[in-house]
C-alpha atoms as a PDB file:
ATOM      1  CA  UNK A   1     -29.381 -94.123 -80.566  1.00  0.00           C
ATOM      2  CA  UNK A   2     -30.485 -90.796 -81.958  1.00  0.00           C
ATOM      3  CA  UNK A   3     -31.365 -91.800 -85.563  1.00  0.00           C
ATOM      4  CA  UNK A   4     -30.394 -88.269 -86.577  1.00  0.00           C
ATOM      5  CA  UNK A   5     -33.086 -86.548 -84.519  1.00  0.00           C
ATOM      6  CA  UNK A   6     -32.455 -83.748 -82.055  1.00  0.00           C
ATOM      7  CA  UNK A   7     -32.494 -84.583 -78.373  1.00  0.00           C
ATOM      8  CA  UNK A   8     -35.703 -83.881 -76.486  1.00  0.00           C
ATOM      9  CA  UNK A   9     -33.883 -82.596 -73.416  1.00  0.00           C
ATOM     10  CA  UNK A  10     -32.017 -79.360 -73.758  1.00  0.00           C
ATOM     11  CA  UNK A  11     -28.393 -79.399 -72.741  1.00  0.00           C
ATOM     12  CA  UNK A  12     -26.526 -76.398 -71.366  1.00  0.00           C
ATOM     13  CA  UNK A  13     -24.141 -74.780 -73.802  1.00  0.00           C
ATOM     14  CA  UNK A  14     -20.440 -74.680 -73.146  1.00  0.00           C
ATOM     15  CA  UNK A  15     -19.338 -71.089 -72.625  1.00  0.00           C
ATOM     16  CA  UNK A  16     -16.062 -71.723 -74.431  1.00  0.00           C
ATOM     17  CA  UNK A  17     -17.931 -73.127 -77.429  1.00  0.00           C
ATOM     18  CA  UNK A  18     -17.730 -70.925 -80.507  1.00  0.00           C
ATOM     19  CA  UNK A  19     -21.302 -71.844 -81.487  1.00  0.00           C
ATOM     20  CA  UNK A  20     -22.747 -70.399 -78.282  1.00  0.00           C
ATOM     21  CA  UNK A  21     -25.056 -67.486 -78.865  1.00  0.00           C
ATOM     22  CA  UNK A  22     -23.518 -64.273 -77.643  1.00  0.00           C
ATOM     23  CA  UNK A  23     -24.373 -60.627 -77.539  1.00  0.00           C
ATOM     24  CA  UNK A  24     -22.797 -57.862 -79.559  1.00  0.00           C
ATOM     25  CA  UNK A  25     -19.713 -57.777 -77.358  1.00  0.00           C
ATOM     26  CA  UNK A  26     -19.170 -61.546 -77.180  1.00  0.00           C
ATOM     27  CA  UNK A  27     -20.473 -61.973 -73.636  1.00  0.00           C
ATOM     28  CA  UNK A  28     -23.314 -64.299 -72.731  1.00  0.00           C
ATOM     29  CA  UNK A  29     -26.535 -62.642 -71.702  1.00  0.00           C
ATOM     30  CA  UNK A  30     -26.871 -62.799 -67.903  1.00  0.00           C
ATOM     31  CA  UNK A  31     -30.606 -63.328 -68.309  1.00  0.00           C
ATOM     32  CA  UNK A  32     -29.923 -66.591 -70.169  1.00  0.00           C
ATOM     33  CA  UNK A  33     -26.662 -67.899 -68.715  1.00  0.00           C
ATOM     34  CA  UNK A  34     -26.867 -66.428 -65.197  1.00  0.00           C
ATOM     35  CA  UNK A  35     -24.580 -64.008 -63.443  1.00  0.00           C
ATOM     36  CA  UNK A  36     -21.972 -66.637 -62.583  1.00  0.00           C
ATOM     37  CA  UNK A  37     -21.272 -67.436 -66.237  1.00  0.00           C
ATOM     38  CA  UNK A  38     -19.399 -64.212 -66.864  1.00  0.00           C
ATOM     39  CA  UNK A  39     -17.326 -64.626 -63.698  1.00  0.00           C
ATOM     40  CA  UNK A  40     -15.919 -67.969 -64.895  1.00  0.00           C
ATOM     41  CA  UNK A  41     -14.426 -66.361 -67.977  1.00  0.00           C
ATOM     42  CA  UNK A  42     -12.760 -63.529 -66.065  1.00  0.00           C
ATOM     43  CA  UNK A  43      -9.500 -63.879 -64.230  1.00  0.00           C
ATOM     44  CA  UNK A  44      -8.647 -62.537 -60.814  1.00  0.00           C
ATOM     45  CA  UNK A  45      -9.209 -58.836 -60.437  1.00  0.00           C
ATOM     46  CA  UNK A  46      -6.348 -58.490 -57.955  1.00  0.00           C
ATOM     47  CA  UNK A  47      -3.221 -60.486 -57.172  1.00  0.00           C
ATOM     48  CA  UNK A  48      -4.264 -61.127 -53.564  1.00  0.00           C
ATOM     49  CA  UNK A  49      -7.637 -62.563 -54.536  1.00  0.00           C
ATOM     50  CA  UNK A  50      -6.229 -66.019 -55.257  1.00  0.00           C
ATOM     51  CA  UNK A  51      -4.349 -65.963 -51.959  1.00  0.00           C
ATOM     52  CA  UNK A  52      -7.424 -64.888 -49.997  1.00  0.00           C
ATOM     53  CA  UNK A  53      -9.555 -67.628 -51.521  1.00  0.00           C
ATOM     54  CA  UNK A  54      -7.203 -70.252 -50.074  1.00  0.00           C
ATOM     55  CA  UNK A  55      -6.433 -68.458 -46.796  1.00  0.00           C
ATOM     56  CA  UNK A  56      -8.456 -70.669 -44.468  1.00  0.00           C
ATOM     57  CA  UNK A  57      -7.256 -73.880 -46.130  1.00  0.00           C
ATOM     58  CA  UNK A  58      -3.616 -72.782 -45.851  1.00  0.00           C
ATOM     59  CA  UNK A  59      -4.115 -71.693 -42.238  1.00  0.00           C
ATOM     60  CA  UNK A  60      -5.658 -75.061 -41.309  1.00  0.00           C
ATOM     61  CA  UNK A  61      -2.830 -76.901 -43.058  1.00  0.00           C
ATOM     62  CA  UNK A  62      -0.191 -74.901 -41.167  1.00  0.00           C
ATOM     63  CA  UNK A  63      -1.996 -75.561 -37.870  1.00  0.00           C
ATOM     64  CA  UNK A  64      -1.980 -79.303 -38.607  1.00  0.00           C
ATOM     65  CA  UNK A  65       1.747 -79.207 -39.405  1.00  0.00           C
ATOM     66  CA  UNK A  66       2.470 -77.328 -36.191  1.00  0.00           C
ATOM     67  CA  UNK A  67       0.326 -79.790 -34.228  1.00  0.00           C
ATOM     68  CA  UNK A  68       2.189 -82.713 -35.794  1.00  0.00           C
ATOM     69  CA  UNK A  69       5.567 -81.196 -34.958  1.00  0.00           C
ATOM     70  CA  UNK A  70       4.654 -80.506 -31.331  1.00  0.00           C
ATOM     71  CA  UNK A  71       2.440 -83.462 -30.342  1.00  0.00           C
ATOM     72  CA  UNK A  72       3.206 -86.146 -32.890  1.00  0.00           C
ATOM     73  CA  UNK A  73       1.383 -87.736 -35.795  1.00  0.00           C
ATOM     74  CA  UNK A  74      -1.614 -88.959 -33.784  1.00  0.00           C
ATOM     75  CA  UNK A  75      -2.918 -85.465 -32.920  1.00  0.00           C
ATOM     76  CA  UNK A  76      -3.616 -84.162 -36.457  1.00  0.00           C
ATOM     77  CA  UNK A  77      -4.980 -87.564 -37.486  1.00  0.00           C
ATOM     78  CA  UNK A  78      -7.408 -87.584 -34.548  1.00  0.00           C
ATOM     79  CA  UNK A  79      -8.447 -83.989 -35.241  1.00  0.00           C
ATOM     80  CA  UNK A  80      -8.968 -84.761 -38.947  1.00  0.00           C
ATOM     81  CA  UNK A  81     -11.089 -87.781 -37.999  1.00  0.00           C
ATOM     82  CA  UNK A  82     -13.232 -85.653 -35.667  1.00  0.00           C
ATOM     83  CA  UNK A  83     -13.695 -82.974 -38.349  1.00  0.00           C
ATOM     84  CA  UNK A  84     -14.687 -85.572 -40.944  1.00  0.00           C
ATOM     85  CA  UNK A  85     -17.229 -87.157 -38.594  1.00  0.00           C
ATOM     86  CA  UNK A  86     -18.635 -83.703 -37.723  1.00  0.00           C
ATOM     87  CA  UNK A  87     -19.092 -82.934 -41.426  1.00  0.00           C
ATOM     88  CA  UNK A  88     -20.953 -86.224 -41.965  1.00  0.00           C
ATOM     89  CA  UNK A  89     -23.719 -85.224 -39.584  1.00  0.00           C
ATOM     90  CA  UNK A  90     -26.353 -83.983 -41.925  1.00  0.00           C
ATOM     91  CA  UNK A  91     -29.835 -82.687 -42.090  1.00  0.00           C
ATOM     92  CA  UNK A  92     -32.455 -82.883 -44.742  1.00  0.00           C
ATOM     93  CA  UNK A  93     -31.305 -81.155 -47.942  1.00  0.00           C
ATOM     94  CA  UNK A  94     -33.727 -78.242 -47.624  1.00  0.00           C
ATOM     95  CA  UNK A  95     -32.568 -77.366 -44.082  1.00  0.00           C
ATOM     96  CA  UNK A  96     -29.374 -75.307 -43.971  1.00  0.00           C
ATOM     97  CA  UNK A  97     -26.728 -76.527 -41.555  1.00  0.00           C
ATOM     98  CA  UNK A  98     -24.772 -74.160 -39.356  1.00  0.00           C
ATOM     99  CA  UNK A  99     -21.848 -76.628 -38.998  1.00  0.00           C
ATOM    100  CA  UNK A 100     -21.527 -75.628 -35.347  1.00  0.00           C
ATOM    101  CA  UNK A 101     -19.754 -78.836 -34.306  1.00  0.00           C
ATOM    102  CA  UNK A 102     -17.059 -78.394 -36.987  1.00  0.00           C
ATOM    103  CA  UNK A 103     -16.600 -74.749 -36.023  1.00  0.00           C
ATOM    104  CA  UNK A 104     -16.139 -75.710 -32.357  1.00  0.00           C
ATOM    105  CA  UNK A 105     -13.527 -78.336 -33.245  1.00  0.00           C
ATOM    106  CA  UNK A 106     -11.613 -75.861 -35.425  1.00  0.00           C
ATOM    107  CA  UNK A 107     -11.968 -73.008 -32.930  1.00  0.00           C
ATOM    108  CA  UNK A 108     -13.936 -70.801 -35.288  1.00  0.00           C
ATOM    109  CA  UNK A 109     -16.967 -70.534 -33.004  1.00  0.00           C
ATOM    110  CA  UNK A 110     -15.474 -67.543 -31.184  1.00  0.00           C
ATOM    111  CA  UNK A 111     -14.608 -65.572 -34.325  1.00  0.00           C
ATOM    112  CA  UNK A 112     -16.921 -63.111 -36.010  1.00  0.00           C
ATOM    113  CA  UNK A 113     -16.247 -63.298 -39.738  1.00  0.00           C
ATOM    114  CA  UNK A 114     -17.664 -61.985 -42.976  1.00  0.00           C
ATOM    115  CA  UNK A 115     -19.772 -65.128 -43.361  1.00  0.00           C
ATOM    116  CA  UNK A 116     -21.371 -64.679 -39.944  1.00  0.00           C
ATOM    117  CA  UNK A 117     -22.790 -61.277 -40.807  1.00  0.00           C
ATOM    118  CA  UNK A 118     -23.602 -61.490 -44.526  1.00  0.00           C
ATOM    119  CA  UNK A 119     -24.377 -65.184 -44.945  1.00  0.00           C
ATOM    120  CA  UNK A 120     -27.417 -65.485 -42.727  1.00  0.00           C
ATOM    121  CA  UNK A 121     -30.318 -67.686 -43.806  1.00  0.00           C
ATOM    122  CA  UNK A 122     -32.636 -64.815 -44.678  1.00  0.00           C
ATOM    123  CA  UNK A 123     -30.143 -63.418 -47.199  1.00  0.00           C
ATOM    124  CA  UNK A 124     -29.237 -66.707 -48.909  1.00  0.00           C
ATOM    125  CA  UNK A 125     -30.653 -67.551 -52.304  1.00  0.00           C
ATOM    126  CA  UNK A 126     -31.506 -71.014 -51.111  1.00  0.00           C
ATOM    127  CA  UNK A 127     -35.157 -71.730 -51.564  1.00  0.00           C
ATOM    128  CA  UNK A 128     -37.042 -74.773 -52.616  1.00  0.00           C
ATOM    129  CA  UNK A 129     -40.015 -76.951 -51.937  1.00  0.00           C
ATOM    130  CA  UNK A 130     -38.990 -79.524 -49.341  1.00  0.00           C
ATOM    131  CA  UNK A 131     -40.436 -82.540 -51.167  1.00  0.00           C
ATOM    132  CA  UNK A 132     -38.860 -81.594 -54.482  1.00  0.00           C
ATOM    133  CA  UNK A 133     -35.443 -80.976 -52.939  1.00  0.00           C
ATOM    134  CA  UNK A 134     -35.428 -84.319 -51.088  1.00  0.00           C
ATOM    135  CA  UNK A 135     -36.604 -86.212 -54.172  1.00  0.00           C
ATOM    136  CA  UNK A 136     -33.893 -84.575 -56.275  1.00  0.00           C
ATOM    137  CA  UNK A 137     -31.185 -85.483 -53.747  1.00  0.00           C
ATOM    138  CA  UNK A 138     -32.425 -89.089 -53.717  1.00  0.00           C
ATOM    139  CA  UNK A 139     -32.419 -89.233 -57.512  1.00  0.00           C
ATOM    140  CA  UNK A 140     -36.167 -89.702 -57.865  1.00  0.00           C
ATOM    141  CA  UNK A 141     -36.672 -86.561 -59.964  1.00  0.00           C
END
């Protein structure tokens, strides 16, 4: 019960809320809301962007359909089970995973993609103290 007092913890503001503080032009300050806040309010900049975001998912789905049509229902089910078990193998939360086993199962280990060049560990904005990250993932913090 609040008894009419303000909450001690601050809560993030909803960007669609009319009471949210905005700048002169009606856009949240990136210093306060972060750079991703403005991106959520914008639509796609090009018609192919929505298609490219779902390209790999659609390609995997078509491969599963083709596998089912050629080898039967057991083949995509077995492959999906292997992929799910490969994704379950985890590390501690502060150690990035390369997902090599999943890439081998899907046949992506031989491809050189955008993510292989520009998503290396030294360029990621993923930093944290190991003890704090583990405690947060366990719900202690």
